[in-house]
PDB file of N, CA and C in Angstrom:
ATOM      1  N   MET A   1     -40.098  66.808 -43.097  1.00  0.00           N
ATOM      2  CA  MET A   1     -40.737  65.849 -42.237  1.00  0.00           C
ATOM      3  C   MET A   1     -40.393  66.176 -40.785  1.00  0.00           C
ATOM      4  N   VAL A   2     -41.381  66.336 -39.969  1.00  0.00           N
ATOM      5  CA  VAL A   2     -41.198  66.657 -38.568  1.00  0.00           C
ATOM      6  C   VAL A   2     -41.140  65.366 -37.767  1.00  0.00           C
ATOM      7  N   LEU A   3     -40.093  65.224 -36.986  1.00  0.00           N
ATOM      8  CA  LEU A   3     -39.935  64.032 -36.162  1.00  0.00           C
ATOM      9  C   LEU A   3     -40.580  64.260 -34.803  1.00  0.00           C
ATOM     10  N   GLU A   4     -41.171  63.219 -34.267  1.00  0.00           N
ATOM     11  CA  GLU A   4     -41.670  63.276 -32.909  1.00  0.00           C
ATOM     12  C   GLU A   4     -40.469  63.350 -31.964  1.00  0.00           C
ATOM     13  N   THR A   5     -40.699  63.794 -30.755  1.00  0.00           N
ATOM     14  CA  THR A   5     -39.623  63.950 -29.778  1.00  0.00           C
ATOM     15  C   THR A   5     -38.931  62.623 -29.498  1.00  0.00           C
ATOM     16  N   THR A   6     -39.685  61.565 -29.310  1.00  0.00           N
ATOM     17  CA  THR A   6     -39.073  60.276 -28.997  1.00  0.00           C
ATOM     18  C   THR A   6     -38.301  59.721 -30.185  1.00  0.00           C
ATOM     19  N   GLU A   7     -38.808  59.923 -31.391  1.00  0.00           N
ATOM     20  CA  GLU A   7     -38.091  59.465 -32.581  1.00  0.00           C
ATOM     21  C   GLU A   7     -36.770  60.201 -32.739  1.00  0.00           C
ATOM     22  N   ALA A   8     -36.778  61.495 -32.504  1.00  0.00           N
ATOM     23  CA  ALA A   8     -35.548  62.287 -32.609  1.00  0.00           C
ATOM     24  C   ALA A   8     -34.541  61.836 -31.562  1.00  0.00           C
ATOM     25  N   LYS A   9     -35.003  61.561 -30.333  1.00  0.00           N
ATOM     26  CA  LYS A   9     -34.116  61.098 -29.272  1.00  0.00           C
ATOM     27  C   LYS A   9     -33.503  59.749 -29.639  1.00  0.00           C
ATOM     28  N   GLU A  10     -34.315  58.850 -30.169  1.00  0.00           N
ATOM     29  CA  GLU A  10     -33.810  57.533 -30.549  1.00  0.00           C
ATOM     30  C   GLU A  10     -32.775  57.629 -31.667  1.00  0.00           C
ATOM     31  N   ARG A  11     -32.997  58.513 -32.625  1.00  0.00           N
ATOM     32  CA  ARG A  11     -32.021  58.700 -33.706  1.00  0.00           C
ATOM     33  C   ARG A  11     -30.716  59.266 -33.166  1.00  0.00           C
ATOM     34  N   ARG A  12     -30.805  60.245 -32.272  1.00  0.00           N
ATOM     35  CA  ARG A  12     -29.597  60.809 -31.661  1.00  0.00           C
ATOM     36  C   ARG A  12     -28.860  59.737 -30.879  1.00  0.00           C
ATOM     37  N   HIS A  13     -29.598  58.907 -30.132  1.00  0.00           N
ATOM     38  CA  HIS A  13     -28.977  57.865 -29.322  1.00  0.00           C
ATOM     39  C   HIS A  13     -28.250  56.846 -30.197  1.00  0.00           C
ATOM     40  N   ARG A  14     -28.865  56.411 -31.276  1.00  0.00           N
ATOM     41  CA  ARG A  14     -28.195  55.467 -32.189  1.00  0.00           C
ATOM     42  C   ARG A  14     -26.941  56.090 -32.796  1.00  0.00           C
ATOM     43  N   ARG A  15     -27.023  57.352 -33.169  1.00  0.00           N
ATOM     44  CA  ARG A  15     -25.879  58.037 -33.770  1.00  0.00           C
ATOM     45  C   ARG A  15     -24.735  58.160 -32.760  1.00  0.00           C
ATOM     46  N   ILE A  16     -25.046  58.454 -31.517  1.00  0.00           N
ATOM     47  CA  ILE A  16     -24.028  58.589 -30.477  1.00  0.00           C
ATOM     48  C   ILE A  16     -23.387  57.239 -30.179  1.00  0.00           C
ATOM     49  N   ARG A  17     -24.215  56.181 -30.076  1.00  0.00           N
ATOM     50  CA  ARG A  17     -23.695  54.866 -29.714  1.00  0.00           C
ATOM     51  C   ARG A  17     -22.812  54.250 -30.784  1.00  0.00           C
ATOM     52  N   LYS A  18     -22.911  54.733 -32.015  1.00  0.00           N
ATOM     53  CA  LYS A  18     -21.982  54.272 -33.049  1.00  0.00           C
ATOM     54  C   LYS A  18     -20.563  54.712 -32.733  1.00  0.00           C
ATOM     55  N   LYS A  19     -20.437  55.860 -32.099  1.00  0.00           N
ATOM     56  CA  LYS A  19     -19.136  56.461 -31.847  1.00  0.00           C
ATOM     57  C   LYS A  19     -18.621  56.230 -30.433  1.00  0.00           C
ATOM     58  N   VAL A  20     -19.508  56.164 -29.453  1.00  0.00           N
ATOM     59  CA  VAL A  20     -19.112  56.102 -28.046  1.00  0.00           C
ATOM     60  C   VAL A  20     -19.120  54.654 -27.574  1.00  0.00           C
ATOM     61  N   VAL A  21     -17.942  54.145 -27.238  1.00  0.00           N
ATOM     62  CA  VAL A  21     -17.797  52.778 -26.756  1.00  0.00           C
ATOM     63  C   VAL A  21     -16.927  52.808 -25.505  1.00  0.00           C
ATOM     64  N   GLY A  22     -17.382  52.128 -24.460  1.00  0.00           N
ATOM     65  CA  GLY A  22     -16.619  52.061 -23.229  1.00  0.00           C
ATOM     66  C   GLY A  22     -15.679  50.873 -23.236  1.00  0.00           C
ATOM     67  N   THR A  23     -14.454  51.089 -22.805  1.00  0.00           N
ATOM     68  CA  THR A  23     -13.464  50.024 -22.704  1.00  0.00           C
ATOM     69  C   THR A  23     -13.067  49.851 -21.244  1.00  0.00           C
ATOM     70  N   SER A  24     -12.172  48.926 -20.975  1.00  0.00           N
ATOM     71  CA  SER A  24     -11.705  48.751 -19.604  1.00  0.00           C
ATOM     72  C   SER A  24     -10.926  49.963 -19.130  1.00  0.00           C
ATOM     73  N   ALA A  25     -10.166  50.562 -20.047  1.00  0.00           N
ATOM     74  CA  ALA A  25      -9.378  51.737 -19.689  1.00  0.00           C
ATOM     75  C   ALA A  25     -10.243  52.978 -19.531  1.00  0.00           C
ATOM     76  N   ARG A  26     -11.267  53.113 -20.391  1.00  0.00           N
ATOM     77  CA  ARG A  26     -12.172  54.266 -20.359  1.00  0.00           C
ATOM     78  C   ARG A  26     -13.609  53.786 -20.500  1.00  0.00           C
ATOM     79  N   PRO A  27     -14.250  53.437 -19.392  1.00  0.00           N
ATOM     80  CA  PRO A  27     -15.634  52.960 -19.482  1.00  0.00           C
ATOM     81  C   PRO A  27     -16.607  54.084 -19.855  1.00  0.00           C
ATOM     82  N   ARG A  28     -17.817  53.694 -20.209  1.00  0.00           N
ATOM     83  CA  ARG A  28     -18.835  54.626 -20.681  1.00  0.00           C
ATOM     84  C   ARG A  28     -19.750  55.019 -19.536  1.00  0.00           C
ATOM     85  N   LEU A  29     -19.948  56.328 -19.337  1.00  0.00           N
ATOM     86  CA  LEU A  29     -20.901  56.833 -18.363  1.00  0.00           C
ATOM     87  C   LEU A  29     -22.213  57.074 -19.097  1.00  0.00           C
ATOM     88  N   SER A  30     -23.204  56.255 -18.821  1.00  0.00           N
ATOM     89  CA  SER A  30     -24.489  56.326 -19.501  1.00  0.00           C
ATOM     90  C   SER A  30     -25.525  56.985 -18.603  1.00  0.00           C
ATOM     91  N   VAL A  31     -26.343  57.863 -19.188  1.00  0.00           N
ATOM     92  CA  VAL A  31     -27.371  58.585 -18.441  1.00  0.00           C
ATOM     93  C   VAL A  31     -28.746  58.229 -18.997  1.00  0.00           C
ATOM     94  N   TYR A  32     -29.675  57.971 -18.097  1.00  0.00           N
ATOM     95  CA  TYR A  32     -31.075  57.793 -18.473  1.00  0.00           C
ATOM     96  C   TYR A  32     -31.904  58.661 -17.536  1.00  0.00           C
ATOM     97  N   ARG A  33     -32.820  59.401 -18.112  1.00  0.00           N
ATOM     98  CA  ARG A  33     -33.693  60.210 -17.268  1.00  0.00           C
ATOM     99  C   ARG A  33     -35.140  59.935 -17.627  1.00  0.00           C
ATOM    100  N   SER A  34     -35.932  59.813 -16.596  1.00  0.00           N
ATOM    101  CA  SER A  34     -37.370  59.682 -16.786  1.00  0.00           C
ATOM    102  C   SER A  34     -38.005  60.956 -16.248  1.00  0.00           C
ATOM    103  N   LEU A  35     -39.297  60.998 -16.252  1.00  0.00           N
ATOM    104  CA  LEU A  35     -39.980  62.190 -15.775  1.00  0.00           C
ATOM    105  C   LEU A  35     -39.743  62.413 -14.288  1.00  0.00           C
ATOM    106  N   ASN A  36     -39.670  61.331 -13.528  1.00  0.00           N
ATOM    107  CA  ASN A  36     -39.557  61.450 -12.078  1.00  0.00           C
ATOM    108  C   ASN A  36     -38.192  61.119 -11.501  1.00  0.00           C
ATOM    109  N   HIS A  37     -37.335  60.445 -12.252  1.00  0.00           N
ATOM    110  CA  HIS A  37     -36.053  60.000 -11.703  1.00  0.00           C
ATOM    111  C   HIS A  37     -34.944  60.169 -12.733  1.00  0.00           C
ATOM    112  N   ILE A  38     -33.698  60.015 -12.252  1.00  0.00           N
ATOM    113  CA  ILE A  38     -32.536  60.042 -13.138  1.00  0.00           C
ATOM    114  C   ILE A  38     -31.601  58.910 -12.710  1.00  0.00           C
ATOM    115  N   TYR A  39     -31.028  58.243 -13.696  1.00  0.00           N
ATOM    116  CA  TYR A  39     -30.176  57.079 -13.464  1.00  0.00           C
ATOM    117  C   TYR A  39     -28.869  57.285 -14.226  1.00  0.00           C
ATOM    118  N   ALA A  40     -27.764  56.829 -13.644  1.00  0.00           N
ATOM    119  CA  ALA A  40     -26.467  56.904 -14.318  1.00  0.00           C
ATOM    120  C   ALA A  40     -25.681  55.651 -13.966  1.00  0.00           C
ATOM    121  N   GLN A  41     -24.935  55.151 -14.943  1.00  0.00           N
ATOM    122  CA  GLN A  41     -24.102  53.986 -14.683  1.00  0.00           C
ATOM    123  C   GLN A  41     -22.840  54.051 -15.524  1.00  0.00           C
ATOM    124  N   ILE A  42     -21.804  53.441 -15.007  1.00  0.00           N
ATOM    125  CA  ILE A  42     -20.533  53.350 -15.721  1.00  0.00           C
ATOM    126  C   ILE A  42     -20.400  51.906 -16.195  1.00  0.00           C
ATOM    127  N   ILE A  43     -20.235  51.762 -17.517  1.00  0.00           N
ATOM    128  CA  ILE A  43     -20.309  50.458 -18.158  1.00  0.00           C
ATOM    129  C   ILE A  43     -19.033  50.148 -18.923  1.00  0.00           C
ATOM    130  N   ASP A  44     -18.543  48.920 -18.792  1.00  0.00           N
ATOM    131  CA  ASP A  44     -17.454  48.416 -19.617  1.00  0.00           C
ATOM    132  C   ASP A  44     -18.096  47.610 -20.738  1.00  0.00           C
ATOM    133  N   ASP A  45     -18.115  48.159 -21.947  1.00  0.00           N
ATOM    134  CA  ASP A  45     -18.796  47.518 -23.067  1.00  0.00           C
ATOM    135  C   ASP A  45     -18.075  46.277 -23.576  1.00  0.00           C
ATOM    136  N   THR A  46     -16.770  46.187 -23.380  1.00  0.00           N
ATOM    137  CA  THR A  46     -16.046  45.012 -23.850  1.00  0.00           C
ATOM    138  C   THR A  46     -16.422  43.772 -23.029  1.00  0.00           C
ATOM    139  N   LYS A  47     -16.624  43.955 -21.720  1.00  0.00           N
ATOM    140  CA  LYS A  47     -17.018  42.847 -20.851  1.00  0.00           C
ATOM    141  C   LYS A  47     -18.524  42.780 -20.647  1.00  0.00           C
ATOM    142  N   ARG A  48     -19.239  43.796 -21.131  1.00  0.00           N
ATOM    143  CA  ARG A  48     -20.695  43.904 -20.965  1.00  0.00           C
ATOM    144  C   ARG A  48     -21.095  43.866 -19.500  1.00  0.00           C
ATOM    145  N   ARG A  49     -20.426  44.679 -18.687  1.00  0.00           N
ATOM    146  CA  ARG A  49     -20.674  44.732 -17.255  1.00  0.00           C
ATOM    147  C   ARG A  49     -20.875  46.176 -16.799  1.00  0.00           C
ATOM    148  N   THR A  50     -21.803  46.361 -15.879  1.00  0.00           N
ATOM    149  CA  THR A  50     -21.961  47.647 -15.211  1.00  0.00           C
ATOM    150  C   THR A  50     -21.012  47.654 -14.027  1.00  0.00           C
ATOM    151  N   ILE A  51     -20.139  48.635 -13.991  1.00  0.00           N
ATOM    152  CA  ILE A  51     -19.136  48.709 -12.936  1.00  0.00           C
ATOM    153  C   ILE A  51     -19.692  49.457 -11.726  1.00  0.00           C
ATOM    154  N   VAL A  52     -20.283  50.625 -11.984  1.00  0.00           N
ATOM    155  CA  VAL A  52     -20.811  51.484 -10.933  1.00  0.00           C
ATOM    156  C   VAL A  52     -22.146  52.037 -11.393  1.00  0.00           C
ATOM    157  N   ALA A  53     -23.080  52.176 -10.463  1.00  0.00           N
ATOM    158  CA  ALA A  53     -24.378  52.763 -10.809  1.00  0.00           C
ATOM    159  C   ALA A  53     -24.869  53.648  -9.669  1.00  0.00           C
ATOM    160  N   ALA A  54     -25.666  54.640 -10.022  1.00  0.00           N
ATOM    161  CA  ALA A  54     -26.302  55.516  -9.039  1.00  0.00           C
ATOM    162  C   ALA A  54     -27.605  56.016  -9.632  1.00  0.00           C
ATOM    163  N   SER A  55     -28.588  56.193  -8.789  1.00  0.00           N
ATOM    164  CA  SER A  55     -29.866  56.715  -9.264  1.00  0.00           C
ATOM    165  C   SER A  55     -30.564  57.458  -8.137  1.00  0.00           C
ATOM    166  N   SER A  56     -31.633  58.133  -8.498  1.00  0.00           N
ATOM    167  CA  SER A  56     -32.397  58.861  -7.494  1.00  0.00           C
ATOM    168  C   SER A  56     -33.197  57.907  -6.612  1.00  0.00           C
ATOM    169  N   LEU A  57     -33.169  56.625  -6.909  1.00  0.00           N
ATOM    170  CA  LEU A  57     -33.845  55.619  -6.091  1.00  0.00           C
ATOM    171  C   LEU A  57     -32.910  54.971  -5.072  1.00  0.00           C
ATOM    172  N   ASP A  58     -31.620  55.362  -5.061  1.00  0.00           N
ATOM    173  CA  ASP A  58     -30.671  54.802  -4.108  1.00  0.00           C
ATOM    174  C   ASP A  58     -31.092  55.124  -2.680  1.00  0.00           C
ATOM    175  N   SER A  59     -30.734  54.243  -1.776  1.00  0.00           N
ATOM    176  CA  SER A  59     -31.135  54.403  -0.377  1.00  0.00           C
ATOM    177  C   SER A  59     -30.570  55.685   0.233  1.00  0.00           C
ATOM    178  N   GLU A  60     -29.400  56.113  -0.225  1.00  0.00           N
ATOM    179  CA  GLU A  60     -28.792  57.330   0.309  1.00  0.00           C
ATOM    180  C   GLU A  60     -29.613  58.571  -0.028  1.00  0.00           C
ATOM    181  N   LEU A  61     -30.266  58.567  -1.167  1.00  0.00           N
ATOM    182  CA  LEU A  61     -31.044  59.726  -1.596  1.00  0.00           C
ATOM    183  C   LEU A  61     -32.543  59.531  -1.414  1.00  0.00           C
ATOM    184  N   LYS A  62     -32.980  58.300  -1.223  1.00  0.00           N
ATOM    185  CA  LYS A  62     -34.401  58.006  -1.130  1.00  0.00           C
ATOM    186  C   LYS A  62     -35.033  58.600   0.126  1.00  0.00           C
ATOM    187  N   GLU A  63     -34.213  58.788   1.157  1.00  0.00           N
ATOM    188  CA  GLU A  63     -34.726  59.315   2.414  1.00  0.00           C
ATOM    189  C   GLU A  63     -35.177  60.764   2.295  1.00  0.00           C
ATOM    190  N   LYS A  64     -34.621  61.491   1.340  1.00  0.00           N
ATOM    191  CA  LYS A  64     -35.007  62.882   1.155  1.00  0.00           C
ATOM    192  C   LYS A  64     -36.410  62.936   0.563  1.00  0.00           C
ATOM    193  N   LYS A  65     -37.181  63.881   1.004  1.00  0.00           N
ATOM    194  CA  LYS A  65     -38.577  63.963   0.597  1.00  0.00           C
ATOM    195  C   LYS A  65     -38.801  64.857  -0.619  1.00  0.00           C
ATOM    196  N   SER A  66     -37.740  65.373  -1.209  1.00  0.00           N
ATOM    197  CA  SER A  66     -37.906  66.282  -2.344  1.00  0.00           C
ATOM    198  C   SER A  66     -38.188  65.505  -3.628  1.00  0.00           C
ATOM    199  N   HIS A  67     -38.555  66.223  -4.666  1.00  0.00           N
ATOM    200  CA  HIS A  67     -38.816  65.621  -5.973  1.00  0.00           C
ATOM    201  C   HIS A  67     -37.509  65.075  -6.532  1.00  0.00           C
ATOM    202  N   LYS A  68     -37.536  63.890  -7.110  1.00  0.00           N
ATOM    203  CA  LYS A  68     -36.307  63.215  -7.543  1.00  0.00           C
ATOM    204  C   LYS A  68     -35.922  63.490  -8.982  1.00  0.00           C
ATOM    205  N   GLY A  69     -36.714  64.241  -9.726  1.00  0.00           N
ATOM    206  CA  GLY A  69     -36.416  64.466 -11.130  1.00  0.00           C
ATOM    207  C   GLY A  69     -35.955  65.872 -11.440  1.00  0.00           C
ATOM    208  N   ASN A  70     -35.276  66.514 -10.496  1.00  0.00           N
ATOM    209  CA  ASN A  70     -34.862  67.895 -10.746  1.00  0.00           C
ATOM    210  C   ASN A  70     -33.342  68.028 -10.825  1.00  0.00           C
ATOM    211  N   ILE A  71     -32.877  69.228 -11.082  1.00  0.00           N
ATOM    212  CA  ILE A  71     -31.446  69.479 -11.278  1.00  0.00           C
ATOM    213  C   ILE A  71     -30.655  69.221 -10.004  1.00  0.00           C
ATOM    214  N   ASN A  72     -31.189  69.579  -8.848  1.00  0.00           N
ATOM    215  CA  ASN A  72     -30.458  69.353  -7.593  1.00  0.00           C
ATOM    216  C   ASN A  72     -30.205  67.873  -7.358  1.00  0.00           C
ATOM    217  N   THR A  73     -31.178  67.044  -7.638  1.00  0.00           N
ATOM    218  CA  THR A  73     -30.992  65.596  -7.498  1.00  0.00           C
ATOM    219  C   THR A  73     -29.989  65.079  -8.520  1.00  0.00           C
ATOM    220  N   ALA A  74     -30.023  65.617  -9.735  1.00  0.00           N
ATOM    221  CA  ALA A  74     -29.064  65.208 -10.770  1.00  0.00           C
ATOM    222  C   ALA A  74     -27.635  65.520 -10.328  1.00  0.00           C
ATOM    223  N   LYS A  75     -27.434  66.660  -9.677  1.00  0.00           N
ATOM    224  CA  LYS A  75     -26.104  67.007  -9.163  1.00  0.00           C
ATOM    225  C   LYS A  75     -25.661  66.005  -8.103  1.00  0.00           C
ATOM    226  N   GLU A  76     -26.574  65.634  -7.215  1.00  0.00           N
ATOM    227  CA  GLU A  76     -26.243  64.666  -6.174  1.00  0.00           C
ATOM    228  C   GLU A  76     -25.915  63.297  -6.763  1.00  0.00           C
ATOM    229  N   ILE A  77     -26.633  62.906  -7.805  1.00  0.00           N
ATOM    230  CA  ILE A  77     -26.363  61.630  -8.476  1.00  0.00           C
ATOM    231  C   ILE A  77     -24.976  61.669  -9.115  1.00  0.00           C
ATOM    232  N   GLY A  78     -24.640  62.779  -9.764  1.00  0.00           N
ATOM    233  CA  GLY A  78     -23.319  62.924 -10.381  1.00  0.00           C
ATOM    234  C   GLY A  78     -22.197  62.826  -9.362  1.00  0.00           C
ATOM    235  N   MET A  79     -22.370  63.472  -8.216  1.00  0.00           N
ATOM    236  CA  MET A  79     -21.349  63.412  -7.171  1.00  0.00           C
ATOM    237  C   MET A  79     -21.246  62.011  -6.576  1.00  0.00           C
ATOM    238  N   LEU A  80     -22.386  61.366  -6.357  1.00  0.00           N
ATOM    239  CA  LEU A  80     -22.398  60.015  -5.808  1.00  0.00           C
ATOM    240  C   LEU A  80     -21.746  59.021  -6.773  1.00  0.00           C
ATOM    241  N   LEU A  81     -22.058  59.153  -8.052  1.00  0.00           N
ATOM    242  CA  LEU A  81     -21.473  58.266  -9.061  1.00  0.00           C
ATOM    243  C   LEU A  81     -19.962  58.466  -9.146  1.00  0.00           C
ATOM    244  N   ALA A  82     -19.506  59.709  -9.115  1.00  0.00           N
ATOM    245  CA  ALA A  82     -18.069  59.984  -9.178  1.00  0.00           C
ATOM    246  C   ALA A  82     -17.350  59.433  -7.951  1.00  0.00           C
ATOM    247  N   LYS A  83     -17.978  59.560  -6.794  1.00  0.00           N
ATOM    248  CA  LYS A  83     -17.376  59.029  -5.567  1.00  0.00           C
ATOM    249  C   LYS A  83     -17.232  57.514  -5.655  1.00  0.00           C
ATOM    250  N   ARG A  84     -18.283  56.837  -6.126  1.00  0.00           N
ATOM    251  CA  ARG A  84     -18.232  55.384  -6.258  1.00  0.00           C
ATOM    252  C   ARG A  84     -17.223  54.954  -7.325  1.00  0.00           C
ATOM    253  N   ALA A  85     -17.107  55.737  -8.389  1.00  0.00           N
ATOM    254  CA  ALA A  85     -16.144  55.421  -9.447  1.00  0.00           C
ATOM    255  C   ALA A  85     -14.717  55.548  -8.923  1.00  0.00           C
ATOM    256  N   MET A  86     -14.439  56.597  -8.166  1.00  0.00           N
ATOM    257  CA  MET A  86     -13.102  56.786  -7.611  1.00  0.00           C
ATOM    258  C   MET A  86     -12.742  55.647  -6.658  1.00  0.00           C
ATOM    259  N   GLU A  87     -13.732  55.169  -5.902  1.00  0.00           N
ATOM    260  CA  GLU A  87     -13.491  54.046  -4.996  1.00  0.00           C
ATOM    261  C   GLU A  87     -13.126  52.778  -5.764  1.00  0.00           C
ATOM    262  N   ASN A  88     -13.639  52.650  -7.001  1.00  0.00           N
ATOM    263  CA  ASN A  88     -13.329  51.492  -7.843  1.00  0.00           C
ATOM    264  C   ASN A  88     -12.141  51.737  -8.765  1.00  0.00           C
ATOM    265  N   GLY A  89     -11.462  52.860  -8.615  1.00  0.00           N
ATOM    266  CA  GLY A  89     -10.269  53.140  -9.399  1.00  0.00           C
ATOM    267  C   GLY A  89     -10.531  53.666 -10.799  1.00  0.00           C
ATOM    268  N   ILE A  90     -11.694  54.208 -11.042  1.00  0.00           N
ATOM    269  CA  ILE A  90     -12.027  54.762 -12.357  1.00  0.00           C
ATOM    270  C   ILE A  90     -11.882  56.279 -12.303  1.00  0.00           C
ATOM    271  N   LYS A  91     -11.034  56.798 -13.195  1.00  0.00           N
ATOM    272  CA  LYS A  91     -10.825  58.246 -13.239  1.00  0.00           C
ATOM    273  C   LYS A  91     -11.263  58.854 -14.565  1.00  0.00           C
ATOM    274  N   LYS A  92     -11.145  58.092 -15.658  1.00  0.00           N
ATOM    275  CA  LYS A  92     -11.500  58.591 -16.982  1.00  0.00           C
ATOM    276  C   LYS A  92     -12.680  57.803 -17.535  1.00  0.00           C
ATOM    277  N   VAL A  93     -13.645  58.526 -18.093  1.00  0.00           N
ATOM    278  CA  VAL A  93     -14.819  57.899 -18.682  1.00  0.00           C
ATOM    279  C   VAL A  93     -15.150  58.580 -20.004  1.00  0.00           C
ATOM    280  N   VAL A  94     -15.976  57.903 -20.783  1.00  0.00           N
ATOM    281  CA  VAL A  94     -16.534  58.468 -22.011  1.00  0.00           C
ATOM    282  C   VAL A  94     -17.995  58.769 -21.708  1.00  0.00           C
ATOM    283  N   PHE A  95     -18.439  59.971 -22.013  1.00  0.00           N
ATOM    284  CA  PHE A  95     -19.796  60.385 -21.636  1.00  0.00           C
ATOM    285  C   PHE A  95     -20.795  60.033 -22.730  1.00  0.00           C
ATOM    286  N   ASP A  96     -21.830  59.285 -22.346  1.00  0.00           N
ATOM    287  CA  ASP A  96     -22.925  58.919 -23.248  1.00  0.00           C
ATOM    288  C   ASP A  96     -24.191  59.569 -22.718  1.00  0.00           C
ATOM    289  N   ARG A  97     -24.624  60.620 -23.386  1.00  0.00           N
ATOM    290  CA  ARG A  97     -25.787  61.368 -22.913  1.00  0.00           C
ATOM    291  C   ARG A  97     -27.094  60.687 -23.266  1.00  0.00           C
ATOM    292  N   GLY A  98     -27.045  59.567 -23.953  1.00  0.00           N
ATOM    293  CA  GLY A  98     -28.219  58.756 -24.209  1.00  0.00           C
ATOM    294  C   GLY A  98     -29.232  59.375 -25.141  1.00  0.00           C
ATOM    295  N   GLY A  99     -28.805  60.249 -26.006  1.00  0.00           N
ATOM    296  CA  GLY A  99     -29.728  60.875 -26.938  1.00  0.00           C
ATOM    297  C   GLY A  99     -30.394  62.120 -26.396  1.00  0.00           C
ATOM    298  N   TYR A 100     -30.207  62.392 -25.111  1.00  0.00           N
ATOM    299  CA  TYR A 100     -30.781  63.594 -24.520  1.00  0.00           C
ATOM    300  C   TYR A 100     -29.915  64.788 -24.875  1.00  0.00           C
ATOM    301  N   LEU A 101     -30.518  65.942 -24.973  1.00  0.00           N
ATOM    302  CA  LEU A 101     -29.752  67.152 -25.212  1.00  0.00           C
ATOM    303  C   LEU A 101     -28.882  67.442 -23.997  1.00  0.00           C
ATOM    304  N   TYR A 102     -27.695  67.968 -24.228  1.00  0.00           N
ATOM    305  CA  TYR A 102     -26.770  68.283 -23.140  1.00  0.00           C
ATOM    306  C   TYR A 102     -27.226  69.596 -22.509  1.00  0.00           C
ATOM    307  N   HIS A 103     -28.223  69.471 -21.643  1.00  0.00           N
ATOM    308  CA  HIS A 103     -28.860  70.641 -21.061  1.00  0.00           C
ATOM    309  C   HIS A 103     -29.609  70.197 -19.815  1.00  0.00           C
ATOM    310  N   GLY A 104     -29.780  71.067 -18.874  1.00  0.00           N
ATOM    311  CA  GLY A 104     -30.608  70.767 -17.705  1.00  0.00           C
ATOM    312  C   GLY A 104     -30.029  69.684 -16.826  1.00  0.00           C
ATOM    313  N   ARG A 105     -30.817  68.622 -16.588  1.00  0.00           N
ATOM    314  CA  ARG A 105     -30.418  67.560 -15.657  1.00  0.00           C
ATOM    315  C   ARG A 105     -29.203  66.785 -16.138  1.00  0.00           C
ATOM    316  N   VAL A 106     -29.104  66.545 -17.435  1.00  0.00           N
ATOM    317  CA  VAL A 106     -27.969  65.804 -17.984  1.00  0.00           C
ATOM    318  C   VAL A 106     -26.682  66.603 -17.793  1.00  0.00           C
ATOM    319  N   LYS A 107     -26.731  67.881 -18.062  1.00  0.00           N
ATOM    320  CA  LYS A 107     -25.572  68.763 -17.889  1.00  0.00           C
ATOM    321  C   LYS A 107     -25.196  68.873 -16.410  1.00  0.00           C
ATOM    322  N   ALA A 108     -26.187  68.985 -15.531  1.00  0.00           N
ATOM    323  CA  ALA A 108     -25.928  69.094 -14.100  1.00  0.00           C
ATOM    324  C   ALA A 108     -25.237  67.835 -13.571  1.00  0.00           C
ATOM    325  N   LEU A 109     -25.679  66.672 -14.020  1.00  0.00           N
ATOM    326  CA  LEU A 109     -25.061  65.413 -13.610  1.00  0.00           C
ATOM    327  C   LEU A 109     -23.610  65.359 -14.086  1.00  0.00           C
ATOM    328  N   ALA A 110     -23.373  65.717 -15.341  1.00  0.00           N
ATOM    329  CA  ALA A 110     -22.022  65.674 -15.900  1.00  0.00           C
ATOM    330  C   ALA A 110     -21.094  66.669 -15.199  1.00  0.00           C
ATOM    331  N   ASP A 111     -21.578  67.867 -14.953  1.00  0.00           N
ATOM    332  CA  ASP A 111     -20.755  68.879 -14.282  1.00  0.00           C
ATOM    333  C   ASP A 111     -20.391  68.461 -12.860  1.00  0.00           C
ATOM    334  N   ALA A 112     -21.344  67.866 -12.156  1.00  0.00           N
ATOM    335  CA  ALA A 112     -21.086  67.412 -10.789  1.00  0.00           C
ATOM    336  C   ALA A 112     -20.066  66.270 -10.777  1.00  0.00           C
ATOM    337  N   ALA A 113     -20.164  65.370 -11.750  1.00  0.00           N
ATOM    338  CA  ALA A 113     -19.204  64.263 -11.826  1.00  0.00           C
ATOM    339  C   ALA A 113     -17.804  64.793 -12.134  1.00  0.00           C
ATOM    340  N   ARG A 114     -17.715  65.775 -13.032  1.00  0.00           N
ATOM    341  CA  ARG A 114     -16.414  66.392 -13.341  1.00  0.00           C
ATOM    342  C   ARG A 114     -15.848  67.094 -12.111  1.00  0.00           C
ATOM    343  N   GLU A 115     -16.712  67.762 -11.385  1.00  0.00           N
ATOM    344  CA  GLU A 115     -16.300  68.505 -10.207  1.00  0.00           C
ATOM    345  C   GLU A 115     -15.692  67.580  -9.154  1.00  0.00           C
ATOM    346  N   LYS A 116     -16.230  66.364  -9.051  1.00  0.00           N
ATOM    347  CA  LYS A 116     -15.726  65.391  -8.084  1.00  0.00           C
ATOM    348  C   LYS A 116     -14.514  64.617  -8.555  1.00  0.00           C
ATOM    349  N   GLY A 117     -14.056  64.861  -9.805  1.00  0.00           N
ATOM    350  CA  GLY A 117     -12.798  64.270 -10.232  1.00  0.00           C
ATOM    351  C   GLY A 117     -12.840  63.363 -11.444  1.00  0.00           C
ATOM    352  N   LEU A 118     -14.011  63.050 -11.988  1.00  0.00           N
ATOM    353  CA  LEU A 118     -14.050  62.233 -13.206  1.00  0.00           C
ATOM    354  C   LEU A 118     -13.617  63.066 -14.391  1.00  0.00           C
ATOM    355  N   GLU A 119     -12.865  62.450 -15.283  1.00  0.00           N
ATOM    356  CA  GLU A 119     -12.401  63.129 -16.504  1.00  0.00           C
ATOM    357  C   GLU A 119     -13.165  62.586 -17.694  1.00  0.00           C
ATOM    358  N   PHE A 120     -13.748  63.477 -18.485  1.00  0.00           N
ATOM    359  CA  PHE A 120     -14.488  63.081 -19.682  1.00  0.00           C
ATOM    360  C   PHE A 120     -13.616  63.339 -20.886  1.00  0.00           C
TER     361      PHE A 120
END
């Protein structure tokens, strides 16, 4: 049986979320990507609160006229998210790739966040 792309992504996401849970000590870094934008947030699942968020729609990046759904923007989002996390005292996170393959924009965001000091 051949699965559609969205069905396969949803199955991967459910399988990942069974195992990946963010706590106060190690919150969850969640990634969502659309065709035109990329979003990332750090979530404490025990309190059900978003601690830090960054996206290609943020005012800091919105001024740039380039396409917002590419690898360069994903790197900038990763660095921005890591900077905001460090300001809030978060150093260690659990990475939730959201069912997306660890490749391209998702990998670029994760690598940039690691480069800025977040530990996965």
